[in-house]
Every structure is written in structure tokens, then in C-alpha cells.
Amino acid sequence: MSAPAPSSESQRLPLPLPPTRLVQVLGERPSPVVGWFANRLMDAVCALPASMRDGLARFVGWLAFTLGIRLRVALENLTHAYPEMSDAERRRIALGAYISMARVVLESINQKDHVEAAWEEPEVKGEAWEALKATIAKGQGALLVTAHFGNWERAGKMVLRRGIPLNALVRPLKGALNMRIVDSRIAAGAGLIYPKGAIAQAQEAMRLGETVLMLLDQSLPAKAAVFVPFFGRPASTTPAMAVVAQRTGAPVFVVMGVRDESGRRLRLEVEGPIPPPEGLSEQDVITAHTAAVTSVLEKYVRRYPDQWLWLHRRWKVQPPPEGSAAPQA
């Protein structure tokens, strides 16, 4: 049986190249020997049929859950988020989150993913997607926000495959597996923006009519964060998205890679633009805009709870005492 033809959208749009100013890889690579053996092992895994790779991901996720790796953190988070649920239901969601994470890892080390997956993914539809494409077509930049949900790595590649220049705000990584994922990002066409100087580089991307993708569900030190509600609890969150939006006027869209019931196929869902609230002070606008976008992320997590990374200590940083200095824009 012949492979299905790629969608007309995939045929029309060439794969973007990473901006040359944003291809620097920061991090710590393993020794050449360790790196060679690790990459050959990952090559062997990626050569398996898709059904076997997914079976391996489900086994690895189940094993990590069974061994209790960070299980206490996941169940504590779920207890706070869903106090009305039974323990059995919370454990079911936690197991799904472990499997989802294993799938992300195995899918993200596949260096051919940005080519192969284009044959399987449905076209993106909806007013928000059309608004995002229209923004880029006019030569304007846009801010994209996502979370550790579904497959955030593949979601970015889906945006790139549809002809939208994308730069991802990332942290320096280390180790063979992580550096393989970094190399895969660049091979897919993504530019990399690191925390030092991130706001200035994001503003430059807006000026050039590109997009910047940010994960908005990670804890930051209190001095660098704004605190916004997430599942009814204050969560330390980067203000970078709201700061850049305020300084540049760039529209903000939420972009989520949502798995279907099989777990093997992904669709891209887009919401926005999400405007900043009006009539507030500069600092209050930053906090309120961050909260508005975070509420959209929470909506997706509530809709598909087993696709979010409950293993992360999202609420570990508490708000500073009243009267402490707020982060500066």
C-alpha cells in the first residue's frame, strides 16, 4: 500500500531554515565515545516500526510509574488539583502522564520526525490559526505559548512545517539524549533563544516578523517571576511573554499539540490572539496578561489531564511576602 500524500498545506510550504543568528547550541555534550554509543542506541530505537516504538514508550512509562520515580510529586500535584477525585483515578491520570512523557522523549530523538510526521498530521483549522498565518503573512511577529503537554516538541515542528518561522525559548541542556533533542530542533528549522538576553532576542524576532515559542508552565525563582493562578494555587511564572507583548504589541497565541485517543497521532490546536487587559498599570498588565494565557493552558490540562507533566514541581516556589519588590519589566 502506498503512503498517503502529504496535505496540500505541507506541499505548499517549504521547511523554514533556522535564523542564522539563532543556531548556537549551548549545553554540555557527552564525551565523543559516550555520545557515539548513545546515538547509535537511539538510532536503533528510532529504526523500529512506529507501533513498536509506541509500545516501548508505554512500557517505559509504566515502568517509571511502577518504580515510583517522582510518583509522590505527581500524586501530590493531582491531589491539590483534583481533591474530589478518588486515589485510583488520580493514579490513572499519573500513569498516563508517565506514558505521555516517555512518548515525548522517544518521538523527540527521532531526527527524521520533521520529515516523516508531515505525512500523518491533519491540517490545522480554525479562526485562530488563520489569524496567526495572516499576522506572519503581513511580516509581523507573534508570540506562541505552550506547555509541557501532549508533545510540545512536535507541536513546534508542526508550526515550522506549515511555513511559520519559529524560535524556541530554551534552557541549556546536557547529556546525549538532551543534546540529541537540541540537534533535532535545529534540524527541524527552529532557532534557539536562551534565557540570557531572551527578551531582547524575542523583540528582535518580532521586528523580523518571526514567532517565538515559550513554555509558560515552569517554576521560576520568586524574584524573577509573577504569580498567577493555576488550578487555584499561585504559580511562579515567567513574565517574559507579557513583557515582550507589551513592548512590541505582538499578538499572543496558545499553541497545543494534543494527542488523539490512540496516543500516536497529534493535532495542533491554536487559540488567540489573547490581548493584554486594558486600564491597568504596567506591572499589573504583565501579571494579568500572564494569568489570562495561563488560564487557557489550564483549560487544556483539565480537558486532557493525562497529557500534562504532573511530575514537575509546578508550585514549589511560593509568593514572596507582601511588600517585596516585583520583577521588573
C-alpha atoms as a PDB file:
ATOM      1  CA  MET A   1       0.000   0.000   0.000  1.00  0.00           C
ATOM      2  CA  SER A   2       1.421   3.369  -0.945  1.00  0.00           C
ATOM      3  CA  ALA A   3       1.884   6.076   1.679  1.00  0.00           C
ATOM      4  CA  PRO A   4      -0.787   8.783   1.784  1.00  0.00           C
ATOM      5  CA  ALA A   5       0.095  12.007   0.072  1.00  0.00           C
ATOM      6  CA  PRO A   6       1.024  14.887   2.334  1.00  0.00           C
ATOM      7  CA  SER A   7      -1.597  17.580   2.821  1.00  0.00           C
ATOM      8  CA  SER A   8      -1.807  20.438   0.363  1.00  0.00           C
ATOM      9  CA  GLU A   9      -0.647  22.773   3.118  1.00  0.00           C
ATOM     10  CA  SER A  10       2.508  20.701   3.653  1.00  0.00           C
ATOM     11  CA  GLN A  11       3.141  20.631  -0.117  1.00  0.00           C
ATOM     12  CA  ARG A  12       2.790  24.395  -0.495  1.00  0.00           C
ATOM     13  CA  LEU A  13       5.146  25.483   2.268  1.00  0.00           C
ATOM     14  CA  PRO A  14       8.875  24.692   2.290  1.00  0.00           C
ATOM     15  CA  LEU A  15      10.589  23.836   5.551  1.00  0.00           C
ATOM     16  CA  PRO A  16      11.949  27.098   7.029  1.00  0.00           C
ATOM     17  CA  LEU A  17      15.632  27.401   7.832  1.00  0.00           C
ATOM     18  CA  PRO A  18      16.698  28.398  11.344  1.00  0.00           C
ATOM     19  CA  PRO A  19      17.660  32.066  11.617  1.00  0.00           C
ATOM     20  CA  THR A  20      21.444  32.101  11.297  1.00  0.00           C
ATOM     21  CA  ARG A  21      21.734  34.308  14.376  1.00  0.00           C
ATOM     22  CA  LEU A  22      19.993  31.635  16.499  1.00  0.00           C
ATOM     23  CA  VAL A  23      21.696  28.328  15.704  1.00  0.00           C
ATOM     24  CA  GLN A  24      24.170  28.365  18.569  1.00  0.00           C
ATOM     25  CA  VAL A  25      23.874  25.279  20.773  1.00  0.00           C
ATOM     26  CA  LEU A  26      24.588  25.899  24.442  1.00  0.00           C
ATOM     27  CA  GLY A  27      24.981  22.994  26.803  1.00  0.00           C
ATOM     28  CA  GLU A  28      27.273  20.131  27.695  1.00  0.00           C
ATOM     29  CA  ARG A  29      27.771  17.316  25.208  1.00  0.00           C
ATOM     30  CA  PRO A  30      28.991  13.903  26.393  1.00  0.00           C
ATOM     31  CA  SER A  31      32.439  12.613  25.507  1.00  0.00           C
ATOM     32  CA  PRO A  32      32.790  11.520  21.857  1.00  0.00           C
ATOM     33  CA  VAL A  33      32.789   7.824  22.786  1.00  0.00           C
ATOM     34  CA  VAL A  34      29.744   8.050  25.047  1.00  0.00           C
ATOM     35  CA  GLY A  35      27.991  10.268  22.505  1.00  0.00           C
ATOM     36  CA  TRP A  36      28.655   7.835  19.644  1.00  0.00           C
ATOM     37  CA  PHE A  37      27.329   4.800  21.517  1.00  0.00           C
ATOM     38  CA  ALA A  38      24.313   6.703  22.856  1.00  0.00           C
ATOM     39  CA  ASN A  39      23.406   7.965  19.401  1.00  0.00           C
ATOM     40  CA  ARG A  40      23.730   4.517  17.836  1.00  0.00           C
ATOM     41  CA  LEU A  41      21.373   3.156  20.509  1.00  0.00           C
ATOM     42  CA  MET A  42      18.904   5.959  19.818  1.00  0.00           C
ATOM     43  CA  ASP A  43      19.239   5.319  16.070  1.00  0.00           C
ATOM     44  CA  ALA A  44      18.309   1.669  16.664  1.00  0.00           C
ATOM     45  CA  VAL A  45      15.236   2.669  18.683  1.00  0.00           C
ATOM     46  CA  CYS A  46      14.144   5.157  16.016  1.00  0.00           C
ATOM     47  CA  ALA A  47      14.515   2.468  13.326  1.00  0.00           C
ATOM     48  CA  LEU A  48      11.809   0.343  14.968  1.00  0.00           C
ATOM     49  CA  PRO A  49       8.332   0.390  13.411  1.00  0.00           C
ATOM     50  CA  ALA A  50       6.104   3.125  14.816  1.00  0.00           C
ATOM     51  CA  SER A  51       3.889   0.624  16.638  1.00  0.00           C
ATOM     52  CA  MET A  52       6.899  -0.921  18.391  1.00  0.00           C
ATOM     53  CA  ARG A  53       8.282   2.493  19.361  1.00  0.00           C
ATOM     54  CA  ASP A  54       4.952   3.397  20.904  1.00  0.00           C
ATOM     55  CA  GLY A  55       4.803   0.060  22.705  1.00  0.00           C
ATOM     56  CA  LEU A  56       8.272   0.754  24.096  1.00  0.00           C
ATOM     57  CA  ALA A  57       7.154   4.205  25.258  1.00  0.00           C
ATOM     58  CA  ARG A  58       4.142   2.725  27.037  1.00  0.00           C
ATOM     59  CA  PHE A  59       6.359   0.139  28.735  1.00  0.00           C
ATOM     60  CA  VAL A  60       8.940   2.735  29.840  1.00  0.00           C
ATOM     61  CA  GLY A  61       6.191   4.983  31.188  1.00  0.00           C
ATOM     62  CA  TRP A  62       4.570   2.090  33.046  1.00  0.00           C
ATOM     63  CA  LEU A  63       7.938   1.017  34.477  1.00  0.00           C
ATOM     64  CA  ALA A  64       8.783   4.511  35.765  1.00  0.00           C
ATOM     65  CA  PHE A  65       5.310   4.730  37.331  1.00  0.00           C
ATOM     66  CA  THR A  66       5.636   1.279  38.907  1.00  0.00           C
ATOM     67  CA  LEU A  67       9.083   2.077  40.307  1.00  0.00           C
ATOM     68  CA  GLY A  68       7.626   5.230  41.834  1.00  0.00           C
ATOM     69  CA  ILE A  69      10.024   7.673  40.149  1.00  0.00           C
ATOM     70  CA  ARG A  70       8.700  11.109  41.236  1.00  0.00           C
ATOM     71  CA  LEU A  71       5.322   9.466  41.804  1.00  0.00           C
ATOM     72  CA  ARG A  72       4.873  11.211  45.151  1.00  0.00           C
ATOM     73  CA  VAL A  73       5.251  14.590  43.407  1.00  0.00           C
ATOM     74  CA  ALA A  74       2.738  13.665  40.715  1.00  0.00           C
ATOM     75  CA  LEU A  75       0.146  12.407  43.191  1.00  0.00           C
ATOM     76  CA  GLU A  76       0.571  15.433  45.464  1.00  0.00           C
ATOM     77  CA  ASN A  77       0.005  17.735  42.498  1.00  0.00           C
ATOM     78  CA  LEU A  78      -3.042  15.772  41.414  1.00  0.00           C
ATOM     79  CA  THR A  79      -4.460  15.770  44.934  1.00  0.00           C
ATOM     80  CA  HIS A  80      -4.296  19.573  45.071  1.00  0.00           C
ATOM     81  CA  ALA A  81      -5.691  19.937  41.547  1.00  0.00           C
ATOM     82  CA  TYR A  82      -8.470  17.345  41.890  1.00  0.00           C
ATOM     83  CA  PRO A  83      -9.341  16.943  45.589  1.00  0.00           C
ATOM     84  CA  GLU A  84     -12.704  15.443  44.662  1.00  0.00           C
ATOM     85  CA  MET A  85     -11.170  12.540  42.725  1.00  0.00           C
ATOM     86  CA  SER A  86     -10.529   9.069  44.087  1.00  0.00           C
ATOM     87  CA  ASP A  87      -6.963   7.954  44.582  1.00  0.00           C
ATOM     88  CA  ALA A  88      -7.448   5.331  41.860  1.00  0.00           C
ATOM     89  CA  GLU A  89      -8.488   7.987  39.351  1.00  0.00           C
ATOM     90  CA  ARG A  90      -5.548  10.213  40.227  1.00  0.00           C
ATOM     91  CA  ARG A  91      -3.179   7.259  39.807  1.00  0.00           C
ATOM     92  CA  ARG A  92      -4.722   6.540  36.402  1.00  0.00           C
ATOM     93  CA  ILE A  93      -4.007  10.120  35.321  1.00  0.00           C
ATOM     94  CA  ALA A  94      -0.478   9.909  36.708  1.00  0.00           C
ATOM     95  CA  LEU A  95       0.214   6.726  34.752  1.00  0.00           C
ATOM     96  CA  GLY A  96      -0.998   8.457  31.605  1.00  0.00           C
ATOM     97  CA  ALA A  97       1.351  11.358  32.292  1.00  0.00           C
ATOM     98  CA  TYR A  98       4.322   8.972  32.607  1.00  0.00           C
ATOM     99  CA  ILE A  99       3.425   7.324  29.300  1.00  0.00           C
ATOM    100  CA  SER A 100       2.950  10.711  27.656  1.00  0.00           C
ATOM    101  CA  MET A 101       6.404  11.814  28.825  1.00  0.00           C
ATOM    102  CA  ALA A 102       8.010   8.619  27.509  1.00  0.00           C
ATOM    103  CA  ARG A 103       6.309   9.189  24.163  1.00  0.00           C
ATOM    104  CA  VAL A 104       7.652  12.737  24.011  1.00  0.00           C
ATOM    105  CA  VAL A 105      11.206  11.516  24.584  1.00  0.00           C
ATOM    106  CA  LEU A 106      11.086   8.711  22.012  1.00  0.00           C
ATOM    107  CA  GLU A 107       9.395  10.933  19.433  1.00  0.00           C
ATOM    108  CA  SER A 108      11.816  13.806  20.034  1.00  0.00           C
ATOM    109  CA  ILE A 109      15.011  11.799  19.477  1.00  0.00           C
ATOM    110  CA  ASN A 110      13.798  10.777  16.017  1.00  0.00           C
ATOM    111  CA  GLN A 111      15.851  13.038  13.778  1.00  0.00           C
ATOM    112  CA  LYS A 112      13.587  12.225  10.823  1.00  0.00           C
ATOM    113  CA  ASP A 113      10.457  13.229  12.722  1.00  0.00           C
ATOM    114  CA  HIS A 114      10.226  16.602  10.988  1.00  0.00           C
ATOM    115  CA  VAL A 115      10.024  14.770   7.644  1.00  0.00           C
ATOM    116  CA  GLU A 116       8.041  11.628   8.475  1.00  0.00           C
ATOM    117  CA  ALA A 117       5.307  13.154  10.615  1.00  0.00           C
ATOM    118  CA  ALA A 118       4.268  15.584   7.883  1.00  0.00           C
ATOM    119  CA  TRP A 119       2.638  12.628   6.114  1.00  0.00           C
ATOM    120  CA  GLU A 120       0.431  11.842   9.092  1.00  0.00           C
ATOM    121  CA  GLU A 121      -0.672  15.136  10.602  1.00  0.00           C
ATOM    122  CA  PRO A 122      -4.034  16.724   9.842  1.00  0.00           C
ATOM    123  CA  GLU A 123      -4.239  20.268   8.591  1.00  0.00           C
ATOM    124  CA  VAL A 124      -4.767  22.941  11.216  1.00  0.00           C
ATOM    125  CA  LYS A 125      -8.128  24.680  11.037  1.00  0.00           C
ATOM    126  CA  GLY A 126      -9.880  27.491  12.862  1.00  0.00           C
ATOM    127  CA  GLU A 127     -10.007  31.255  13.106  1.00  0.00           C
ATOM    128  CA  ALA A 128      -7.044  31.489  15.476  1.00  0.00           C
ATOM    129  CA  TRP A 129      -4.787  29.574  13.075  1.00  0.00           C
ATOM    130  CA  GLU A 130      -5.887  31.788  10.191  1.00  0.00           C
ATOM    131  CA  ALA A 131      -5.222  34.875  12.331  1.00  0.00           C
ATOM    132  CA  LEU A 132      -1.717  33.613  13.122  1.00  0.00           C
ATOM    133  CA  LYS A 133      -0.967  32.922   9.462  1.00  0.00           C
ATOM    134  CA  ALA A 134      -2.303  36.357   8.476  1.00  0.00           C
ATOM    135  CA  THR A 135      -0.063  38.006  11.072  1.00  0.00           C
ATOM    136  CA  ILE A 136       3.038  36.308   9.695  1.00  0.00           C
ATOM    137  CA  ALA A 137       1.991  36.971   6.104  1.00  0.00           C
ATOM    138  CA  LYS A 138       1.941  40.693   6.900  1.00  0.00           C
ATOM    139  CA  GLY A 139       5.540  40.487   8.115  1.00  0.00           C
ATOM    140  CA  GLN A 140       4.609  40.880  11.754  1.00  0.00           C
ATOM    141  CA  GLY A 141       5.890  38.780  14.625  1.00  0.00           C
ATOM    142  CA  ALA A 142       3.812  36.696  17.028  1.00  0.00           C
ATOM    143  CA  LEU A 143       4.323  35.142  20.433  1.00  0.00           C
ATOM    144  CA  LEU A 144       3.352  31.492  20.798  1.00  0.00           C
ATOM    145  CA  VAL A 145       2.775  29.929  24.194  1.00  0.00           C
ATOM    146  CA  THR A 146       2.572  26.243  25.043  1.00  0.00           C
ATOM    147  CA  ALA A 147       3.106  23.911  27.999  1.00  0.00           C
ATOM    148  CA  HIS A 148       4.682  20.548  28.808  1.00  0.00           C
ATOM    149  CA  PHE A 149       1.621  18.961  27.314  1.00  0.00           C
ATOM    150  CA  GLY A 150       0.911  16.397  24.580  1.00  0.00           C
ATOM    151  CA  ASN A 151       4.152  16.732  22.669  1.00  0.00           C
ATOM    152  CA  TRP A 152       5.397  20.298  22.851  1.00  0.00           C
ATOM    153  CA  GLU A 153       8.496  19.479  20.778  1.00  0.00           C
ATOM    154  CA  ARG A 154       6.425  18.104  17.922  1.00  0.00           C
ATOM    155  CA  ALA A 155       3.931  20.968  18.180  1.00  0.00           C
ATOM    156  CA  GLY A 156       6.724  23.408  17.374  1.00  0.00           C
ATOM    157  CA  LYS A 157       7.771  21.293  14.405  1.00  0.00           C
ATOM    158  CA  MET A 158       4.176  21.262  13.166  1.00  0.00           C
ATOM    159  CA  VAL A 159       4.211  25.061  13.172  1.00  0.00           C
ATOM    160  CA  LEU A 160       7.513  25.089  11.280  1.00  0.00           C
ATOM    161  CA  ARG A 161       6.275  22.578   8.700  1.00  0.00           C
ATOM    162  CA  ARG A 162       3.470  24.965   7.887  1.00  0.00           C
ATOM    163  CA  GLY A 163       5.887  27.700   6.860  1.00  0.00           C
ATOM    164  CA  ILE A 164       5.931  29.827  10.015  1.00  0.00           C
ATOM    165  CA  PRO A 165       9.431  30.838  11.221  1.00  0.00           C
ATOM    166  CA  LEU A 166       9.816  29.749  14.815  1.00  0.00           C
ATOM    167  CA  ASN A 167      12.350  30.452  17.537  1.00  0.00           C
ATOM    168  CA  ALA A 168      12.049  28.485  20.773  1.00  0.00           C
ATOM    169  CA  LEU A 169      12.983  29.875  24.176  1.00  0.00           C
ATOM    170  CA  VAL A 170      15.014  27.032  25.714  1.00  0.00           C
ATOM    171  CA  ARG A 171      17.435  26.290  28.523  1.00  0.00           C
ATOM    172  CA  PRO A 172      20.988  24.960  28.041  1.00  0.00           C
ATOM    173  CA  LEU A 173      20.928  21.174  28.348  1.00  0.00           C
ATOM    174  CA  LYS A 174      23.474  18.430  28.869  1.00  0.00           C
ATOM    175  CA  GLY A 175      23.787  14.720  28.152  1.00  0.00           C
ATOM    176  CA  ALA A 176      23.498  12.652  24.988  1.00  0.00           C
ATOM    177  CA  LEU A 177      19.720  12.368  24.998  1.00  0.00           C
ATOM    178  CA  ASN A 178      19.090  16.061  25.626  1.00  0.00           C
ATOM    179  CA  MET A 179      21.646  17.186  23.059  1.00  0.00           C
ATOM    180  CA  ARG A 180      20.044  14.858  20.517  1.00  0.00           C
ATOM    181  CA  ILE A 181      16.764  16.700  21.113  1.00  0.00           C
ATOM    182  CA  VAL A 182      18.517  20.061  20.685  1.00  0.00           C
ATOM    183  CA  ASP A 183      20.031  18.930  17.382  1.00  0.00           C
ATOM    184  CA  SER A 184      16.594  17.748  16.286  1.00  0.00           C
ATOM    185  CA  ARG A 185      15.157  21.207  16.975  1.00  0.00           C
ATOM    186  CA  ILE A 186      17.720  22.847  14.721  1.00  0.00           C
ATOM    187  CA  ALA A 187      17.302  20.179  12.018  1.00  0.00           C
ATOM    188  CA  ALA A 188      13.571  20.928  12.010  1.00  0.00           C
ATOM    189  CA  GLY A 189      14.257  24.615  11.384  1.00  0.00           C
ATOM    190  CA  ALA A 190      13.899  26.158  14.842  1.00  0.00           C
ATOM    191  CA  GLY A 191      16.055  28.983  16.120  1.00  0.00           C
ATOM    192  CA  LEU A 192      17.133  28.759  19.747  1.00  0.00           C
ATOM    193  CA  ILE A 193      16.813  31.595  22.264  1.00  0.00           C
ATOM    194  CA  TYR A 194      18.463  31.104  25.648  1.00  0.00           C
ATOM    195  CA  PRO A 195      17.445  32.811  28.905  1.00  0.00           C
ATOM    196  CA  LYS A 196      20.331  35.294  28.963  1.00  0.00           C
ATOM    197  CA  GLY A 197      19.204  38.133  26.713  1.00  0.00           C
ATOM    198  CA  ALA A 198      15.957  36.334  25.846  1.00  0.00           C
ATOM    199  CA  ILE A 199      13.698  39.387  25.941  1.00  0.00           C
ATOM    200  CA  ALA A 200      15.970  41.369  23.612  1.00  0.00           C
ATOM    201  CA  GLN A 201      16.225  38.450  21.174  1.00  0.00           C
ATOM    202  CA  ALA A 202      12.466  37.896  21.278  1.00  0.00           C
ATOM    203  CA  GLN A 203      11.906  41.557  20.475  1.00  0.00           C
ATOM    204  CA  GLU A 204      14.333  41.218  17.548  1.00  0.00           C
ATOM    205  CA  ALA A 205      12.358  38.226  16.285  1.00  0.00           C
ATOM    206  CA  MET A 206       9.145  40.266  16.447  1.00  0.00           C
ATOM    207  CA  ARG A 207      10.810  43.019  14.408  1.00  0.00           C
ATOM    208  CA  LEU A 208      11.812  40.465  11.764  1.00  0.00           C
ATOM    209  CA  GLY A 209       8.300  39.006  11.513  1.00  0.00           C
ATOM    210  CA  GLU A 210       9.138  35.686  13.191  1.00  0.00           C
ATOM    211  CA  THR A 211       7.488  33.812  16.056  1.00  0.00           C
ATOM    212  CA  VAL A 212       8.844  32.957  19.488  1.00  0.00           C
ATOM    213  CA  LEU A 213       7.575  29.848  21.283  1.00  0.00           C
ATOM    214  CA  MET A 214       7.627  29.866  25.095  1.00  0.00           C
ATOM    215  CA  LEU A 215       6.707  27.256  27.691  1.00  0.00           C
ATOM    216  CA  LEU A 216       4.688  29.006  30.377  1.00  0.00           C
ATOM    217  CA  ASP A 217       4.309  26.217  32.944  1.00  0.00           C
ATOM    218  CA  GLN A 218       7.724  26.141  34.620  1.00  0.00           C
ATOM    219  CA  SER A 219       8.582  27.466  38.074  1.00  0.00           C
ATOM    220  CA  LEU A 220      10.992  30.372  38.384  1.00  0.00           C
ATOM    221  CA  PRO A 221      12.702  31.885  41.419  1.00  0.00           C
ATOM    222  CA  ALA A 222      10.314  34.280  43.119  1.00  0.00           C
ATOM    223  CA  LYS A 223      12.401  37.369  42.291  1.00  0.00           C
ATOM    224  CA  ALA A 224      12.182  36.647  38.548  1.00  0.00           C
ATOM    225  CA  ALA A 225       8.526  35.583  38.417  1.00  0.00           C
ATOM    226  CA  VAL A 226       4.987  36.804  38.559  1.00  0.00           C
ATOM    227  CA  PHE A 227       2.488  34.691  40.482  1.00  0.00           C
ATOM    228  CA  VAL A 228      -0.727  33.753  38.695  1.00  0.00           C
ATOM    229  CA  PRO A 229      -3.479  31.220  39.457  1.00  0.00           C
ATOM    230  CA  PHE A 230      -3.028  27.704  38.097  1.00  0.00           C
ATOM    231  CA  PHE A 231      -5.521  25.134  39.374  1.00  0.00           C
ATOM    232  CA  GLY A 232      -6.493  27.595  42.099  1.00  0.00           C
ATOM    233  CA  ARG A 233      -2.967  27.975  43.501  1.00  0.00           C
ATOM    234  CA  PRO A 234      -0.419  30.756  42.878  1.00  0.00           C
ATOM    235  CA  ALA A 235       2.261  29.523  40.498  1.00  0.00           C
ATOM    236  CA  SER A 236       5.541  31.331  39.785  1.00  0.00           C
ATOM    237  CA  THR A 237       5.576  32.076  36.071  1.00  0.00           C
ATOM    238  CA  THR A 238       7.902  33.886  33.695  1.00  0.00           C
ATOM    239  CA  PRO A 239       6.752  37.405  32.786  1.00  0.00           C
ATOM    240  CA  ALA A 240       8.792  37.311  29.549  1.00  0.00           C
ATOM    241  CA  MET A 241       5.822  36.669  27.279  1.00  0.00           C
ATOM    242  CA  ALA A 242       3.790  39.565  28.664  1.00  0.00           C
ATOM    243  CA  VAL A 243       6.808  41.892  28.728  1.00  0.00           C
ATOM    244  CA  VAL A 244       7.615  41.258  25.063  1.00  0.00           C
ATOM    245  CA  ALA A 245       3.950  41.596  24.094  1.00  0.00           C
ATOM    246  CA  GLN A 246       3.737  44.905  25.937  1.00  0.00           C
ATOM    247  CA  ARG A 247       6.917  46.306  24.380  1.00  0.00           C
ATOM    248  CA  THR A 248       6.246  45.185  20.814  1.00  0.00           C
ATOM    249  CA  GLY A 249       2.459  44.938  20.515  1.00  0.00           C
ATOM    250  CA  ALA A 250       2.900  41.388  19.141  1.00  0.00           C
ATOM    251  CA  PRO A 251      -0.207  39.183  19.362  1.00  0.00           C
ATOM    252  CA  VAL A 252      -0.149  36.161  21.675  1.00  0.00           C
ATOM    253  CA  PHE A 253      -1.447  32.731  20.648  1.00  0.00           C
ATOM    254  CA  VAL A 254      -1.657  29.487  22.612  1.00  0.00           C
ATOM    255  CA  VAL A 255      -0.449  26.513  20.560  1.00  0.00           C
ATOM    256  CA  MET A 256      -1.020  22.994  21.889  1.00  0.00           C
ATOM    257  CA  GLY A 257      -0.036  19.627  20.433  1.00  0.00           C
ATOM    258  CA  VAL A 258      -2.933  17.400  21.506  1.00  0.00           C
ATOM    259  CA  ARG A 259      -2.757  13.614  21.238  1.00  0.00           C
ATOM    260  CA  ASP A 260      -5.701  11.627  19.964  1.00  0.00           C
ATOM    261  CA  GLU A 261      -7.104   8.649  21.887  1.00  0.00           C
ATOM    262  CA  SER A 262      -4.528   6.279  20.397  1.00  0.00           C
ATOM    263  CA  GLY A 263      -1.708   8.464  21.710  1.00  0.00           C
ATOM    264  CA  ARG A 264       0.211   8.128  18.444  1.00  0.00           C
ATOM    265  CA  ARG A 265      -1.276  10.946  16.381  1.00  0.00           C
ATOM    266  CA  LEU A 266      -1.057  14.603  17.206  1.00  0.00           C
ATOM    267  CA  ARG A 267      -3.166  17.565  16.165  1.00  0.00           C
ATOM    268  CA  LEU A 268      -2.351  21.235  16.561  1.00  0.00           C
ATOM    269  CA  GLU A 269      -4.893  23.401  18.376  1.00  0.00           C
ATOM    270  CA  VAL A 270      -4.480  27.178  18.381  1.00  0.00           C
ATOM    271  CA  GLU A 271      -6.271  29.859  20.416  1.00  0.00           C
ATOM    272  CA  GLY A 272      -5.917  33.611  20.223  1.00  0.00           C
ATOM    273  CA  PRO A 273      -4.900  36.265  19.852  1.00  0.00           C
ATOM    274  CA  ILE A 274      -5.152  36.778  23.602  1.00  0.00           C
ATOM    275  CA  PRO A 275      -4.897  40.546  24.203  1.00  0.00           C
ATOM    276  CA  PRO A 276      -3.492  42.190  27.325  1.00  0.00           C
ATOM    277  CA  PRO A 277      -6.132  43.723  29.612  1.00  0.00           C
ATOM    278  CA  GLU A 278      -6.656  47.464  29.419  1.00  0.00           C
ATOM    279  CA  GLY A 279      -6.765  50.133  32.082  1.00  0.00           C
ATOM    280  CA  LEU A 280      -4.100  48.665  34.376  1.00  0.00           C
ATOM    281  CA  SER A 281      -0.665  49.805  35.470  1.00  0.00           C
ATOM    282  CA  GLU A 282       2.355  48.474  33.600  1.00  0.00           C
ATOM    283  CA  GLN A 283       3.167  45.799  36.189  1.00  0.00           C
ATOM    284  CA  ASP A 284      -0.471  44.807  36.657  1.00  0.00           C
ATOM    285  CA  VAL A 285      -0.869  44.367  32.894  1.00  0.00           C
ATOM    286  CA  ILE A 286       2.080  41.965  32.850  1.00  0.00           C
ATOM    287  CA  THR A 287       0.616  39.876  35.659  1.00  0.00           C
ATOM    288  CA  ALA A 288      -2.939  39.938  34.289  1.00  0.00           C
ATOM    289  CA  HIS A 289      -1.843  39.048  30.745  1.00  0.00           C
ATOM    290  CA  THR A 290       0.252  36.150  32.078  1.00  0.00           C
ATOM    291  CA  ALA A 291      -2.758  34.976  34.099  1.00  0.00           C
ATOM    292  CA  ALA A 292      -5.080  35.147  31.079  1.00  0.00           C
ATOM    293  CA  VAL A 293      -2.767  32.999  28.956  1.00  0.00           C
ATOM    294  CA  THR A 294      -2.132  30.586  31.833  1.00  0.00           C
ATOM    295  CA  SER A 295      -5.889  30.091  32.218  1.00  0.00           C
ATOM    296  CA  VAL A 296      -6.028  28.845  28.611  1.00  0.00           C
ATOM    297  CA  LEU A 297      -3.251  26.360  29.366  1.00  0.00           C
ATOM    298  CA  GLU A 298      -5.160  25.187  32.432  1.00  0.00           C
ATOM    299  CA  LYS A 299      -8.248  24.634  30.295  1.00  0.00           C
ATOM    300  CA  TYR A 300      -6.325  22.196  28.107  1.00  0.00           C
ATOM    301  CA  VAL A 301      -4.822  20.390  31.086  1.00  0.00           C
ATOM    302  CA  ARG A 302      -8.272  19.984  32.629  1.00  0.00           C
ATOM    303  CA  ARG A 303      -9.615  18.675  29.321  1.00  0.00           C
ATOM    304  CA  TYR A 304      -6.754  16.183  28.833  1.00  0.00           C
ATOM    305  CA  PRO A 305      -5.185  15.763  32.303  1.00  0.00           C
ATOM    306  CA  ASP A 306      -3.080  12.718  31.442  1.00  0.00           C
ATOM    307  CA  GLN A 307      -1.201  14.714  28.779  1.00  0.00           C
ATOM    308  CA  TRP A 308       0.389  17.217  31.187  1.00  0.00           C
ATOM    309  CA  LEU A 309       3.644  16.773  33.106  1.00  0.00           C
ATOM    310  CA  TRP A 310       2.371  16.324  36.663  1.00  0.00           C
ATOM    311  CA  LEU A 311       5.852  15.099  37.630  1.00  0.00           C
ATOM    312  CA  HIS A 312       7.120  18.708  37.660  1.00  0.00           C
ATOM    313  CA  ARG A 313       7.077  20.655  40.957  1.00  0.00           C
ATOM    314  CA  ARG A 314       4.977  23.430  39.442  1.00  0.00           C
ATOM    315  CA  TRP A 315       4.036  25.055  42.770  1.00  0.00           C
ATOM    316  CA  LYS A 316       7.317  24.633  44.656  1.00  0.00           C
ATOM    317  CA  VAL A 317       8.065  28.396  44.699  1.00  0.00           C
ATOM    318  CA  GLN A 318       5.819  30.384  46.993  1.00  0.00           C
ATOM    319  CA  PRO A 319       4.911  34.067  46.579  1.00  0.00           C
ATOM    320  CA  PRO A 320       7.233  36.444  48.428  1.00  0.00           C
ATOM    321  CA  PRO A 321       5.961  38.302  51.489  1.00  0.00           C
ATOM    322  CA  GLU A 322       3.706  41.251  50.812  1.00  0.00           C
ATOM    323  CA  GLY A 323       5.627  44.390  50.070  1.00  0.00           C
ATOM    324  CA  SER A 324       8.542  42.589  48.356  1.00  0.00           C
ATOM    325  CA  ALA A 325       9.750  44.015  45.073  1.00  0.00           C
ATOM    326  CA  ALA A 326       8.015  42.699  41.951  1.00  0.00           C
ATOM    327  CA  PRO A 327      10.019  41.542  38.923  1.00  0.00           C
ATOM    328  CA  GLN A 328      10.953  44.388  36.644  1.00  0.00           C
ATOM    329  CA  ALA A 329       9.729  44.527  33.040  1.00  0.00           C
END
